[in-house]
Amino acid sequence: MKFEAHINIMPHKALLDPQGKAVTGSMKNIGLPNVHDVRIGKHITMELEAANEQEASSMVEQACTKLLANLIMESFEFTIKQV
């Protein structure tokens, strides 16, 4: 079966996010002074083939922990749907 995964990787809340801080600081310059605490991460989509959703989930988890996310600095979450 074919599956599609949507993965969100974000810096840990406890860590400084320099890109997010820069964007937060620029919000007032574009007329959005009430926007606070912007955090910038990555969104990854992945298509994969697996026997079932549990196997697909395991494959995505492995990809995230071994390659896509730096677990020291980032956390991840994902959703999977059959296509």
C-alpha atoms as a PDB file:
ATOM      1  CA  MET A   1       0.000   0.000   0.000  1.00  0.00           C
ATOM      2  CA  LYS A   2       1.095   3.566  -0.612  1.00  0.00           C
ATOM      3  CA  PHE A   3       1.191   6.108   2.177  1.00  0.00           C
ATOM      4  CA  GLU A   4       1.940   9.799   2.438  1.00  0.00           C
ATOM      5  CA  ALA A   5       3.582  11.210   5.544  1.00  0.00           C
ATOM      6  CA  HIS A   6       3.585  14.840   6.634  1.00  0.00           C
ATOM      7  CA  ILE A   7       6.396  15.554   9.080  1.00  0.00           C
ATOM      8  CA  ASN A   8       6.890  18.709  11.130  1.00  0.00           C
ATOM      9  CA  ILE A   9      10.287  19.302  12.725  1.00  0.00           C
ATOM     10  CA  MET A  10      10.649  22.163  15.180  1.00  0.00           C
ATOM     11  CA  PRO A  11      13.414  23.429  17.454  1.00  0.00           C
ATOM     12  CA  HIS A  12      12.914  22.529  21.127  1.00  0.00           C
ATOM     13  CA  LYS A  13      11.045  25.268  23.004  1.00  0.00           C
ATOM     14  CA  ALA A  14      13.953  25.670  25.440  1.00  0.00           C
ATOM     15  CA  LEU A  15      16.395  26.552  22.647  1.00  0.00           C
ATOM     16  CA  LEU A  16      16.875  29.910  21.010  1.00  0.00           C
ATOM     17  CA  ASP A  17      15.433  30.087  17.491  1.00  0.00           C
ATOM     18  CA  PRO A  18      17.433  32.855  15.729  1.00  0.00           C
ATOM     19  CA  GLN A  19      15.299  32.774  12.565  1.00  0.00           C
ATOM     20  CA  GLY A  20      12.119  32.948  14.612  1.00  0.00           C
ATOM     21  CA  LYS A  21      13.473  35.853  16.667  1.00  0.00           C
ATOM     22  CA  ALA A  22      14.396  37.770  13.493  1.00  0.00           C
ATOM     23  CA  VAL A  23      10.950  37.230  12.009  1.00  0.00           C
ATOM     24  CA  THR A  24       9.254  38.164  15.291  1.00  0.00           C
ATOM     25  CA  GLY A  25      11.240  41.404  15.372  1.00  0.00           C
ATOM     26  CA  SER A  26      10.232  42.221  11.797  1.00  0.00           C
ATOM     27  CA  MET A  27       6.510  41.724  12.323  1.00  0.00           C
ATOM     28  CA  LYS A  28       5.988  45.267  13.627  1.00  0.00           C
ATOM     29  CA  ASN A  29       7.696  46.606  10.483  1.00  0.00           C
ATOM     30  CA  ILE A  30       4.972  45.073   8.325  1.00  0.00           C
ATOM     31  CA  GLY A  31       2.108  46.251  10.512  1.00  0.00           C
ATOM     32  CA  LEU A  32       1.721  43.170  12.721  1.00  0.00           C
ATOM     33  CA  PRO A  33       2.938  44.326  16.159  1.00  0.00           C
ATOM     34  CA  ASN A  34       0.769  41.814  18.037  1.00  0.00           C
ATOM     35  CA  VAL A  35       2.560  38.742  16.607  1.00  0.00           C
ATOM     36  CA  HIS A  36       4.889  37.201  19.195  1.00  0.00           C
ATOM     37  CA  ASP A  37       7.151  34.176  19.601  1.00  0.00           C
ATOM     38  CA  VAL A  38       7.505  33.023  15.996  1.00  0.00           C
ATOM     39  CA  ARG A  39       9.281  29.651  15.703  1.00  0.00           C
ATOM     40  CA  ILE A  40      10.570  28.384  12.380  1.00  0.00           C
ATOM     41  CA  GLY A  41      10.962  24.717  11.543  1.00  0.00           C
ATOM     42  CA  LYS A  42      10.745  22.316   8.619  1.00  0.00           C
ATOM     43  CA  HIS A  43       7.828  20.574   6.933  1.00  0.00           C
ATOM     44  CA  ILE A  44       8.635  17.419   4.991  1.00  0.00           C
ATOM     45  CA  THR A  45       6.314  15.267   2.889  1.00  0.00           C
ATOM     46  CA  MET A  46       7.244  11.710   2.065  1.00  0.00           C
ATOM     47  CA  GLU A  47       5.601   9.001  -0.002  1.00  0.00           C
ATOM     48  CA  LEU A  48       6.349   5.414   0.944  1.00  0.00           C
ATOM     49  CA  GLU A  49       5.145   1.883   0.417  1.00  0.00           C
ATOM     50  CA  ALA A  50       4.417  -0.389   3.349  1.00  0.00           C
ATOM     51  CA  ALA A  51       2.267  -3.408   4.171  1.00  0.00           C
ATOM     52  CA  ASN A  52       0.144  -1.395   6.634  1.00  0.00           C
ATOM     53  CA  GLU A  53      -0.068   1.904   8.488  1.00  0.00           C
ATOM     54  CA  GLN A  54       1.887   0.592  11.476  1.00  0.00           C
ATOM     55  CA  GLU A  55       4.825  -0.375   9.243  1.00  0.00           C
ATOM     56  CA  ALA A  56       4.654   2.989   7.461  1.00  0.00           C
ATOM     57  CA  SER A  57       4.668   4.782  10.808  1.00  0.00           C
ATOM     58  CA  SER A  58       7.703   2.794  11.905  1.00  0.00           C
ATOM     59  CA  MET A  59       9.543   3.712   8.697  1.00  0.00           C
ATOM     60  CA  VAL A  60       8.800   7.427   9.134  1.00  0.00           C
ATOM     61  CA  GLU A  61       9.858   7.295  12.801  1.00  0.00           C
ATOM     62  CA  GLN A  62      13.154   5.690  11.781  1.00  0.00           C
ATOM     63  CA  ALA A  63      13.747   8.285   9.037  1.00  0.00           C
ATOM     64  CA  CYS A  64      13.132  11.102  11.505  1.00  0.00           C
ATOM     65  CA  THR A  65      15.293   9.751  14.312  1.00  0.00           C
ATOM     66  CA  LYS A  66      18.197   8.665  12.117  1.00  0.00           C
ATOM     67  CA  LEU A  67      18.308  11.365   9.421  1.00  0.00           C
ATOM     68  CA  LEU A  68      15.704  14.123   9.267  1.00  0.00           C
ATOM     69  CA  ALA A  69      15.718  15.550  12.801  1.00  0.00           C
ATOM     70  CA  ASN A  70      18.574  16.451  15.108  1.00  0.00           C
ATOM     71  CA  LEU A  71      17.053  15.094  18.311  1.00  0.00           C
ATOM     72  CA  ILE A  72      19.401  17.129  20.492  1.00  0.00           C
ATOM     73  CA  MET A  73      17.939  20.366  19.138  1.00  0.00           C
ATOM     74  CA  GLU A  74      14.665  19.390  17.454  1.00  0.00           C
ATOM     75  CA  SER A  75      11.458  17.474  18.030  1.00  0.00           C
ATOM     76  CA  PHE A  76       9.189  16.014  15.388  1.00  0.00           C
ATOM     77  CA  GLU A  77       5.630  14.895  14.846  1.00  0.00           C
ATOM     78  CA  PHE A  78       3.986  13.348  11.829  1.00  0.00           C
ATOM     79  CA  THR A  79       0.751  12.152  10.307  1.00  0.00           C
ATOM     80  CA  ILE A  80       0.304   9.351   7.823  1.00  0.00           C
ATOM     81  CA  LYS A  81      -2.510   8.681   5.399  1.00  0.00           C
ATOM     82  CA  GLN A  82      -3.044   6.001   2.798  1.00  0.00           C
ATOM     83  CA  VAL A  83      -3.077   7.273  -0.791  1.00  0.00           C
END
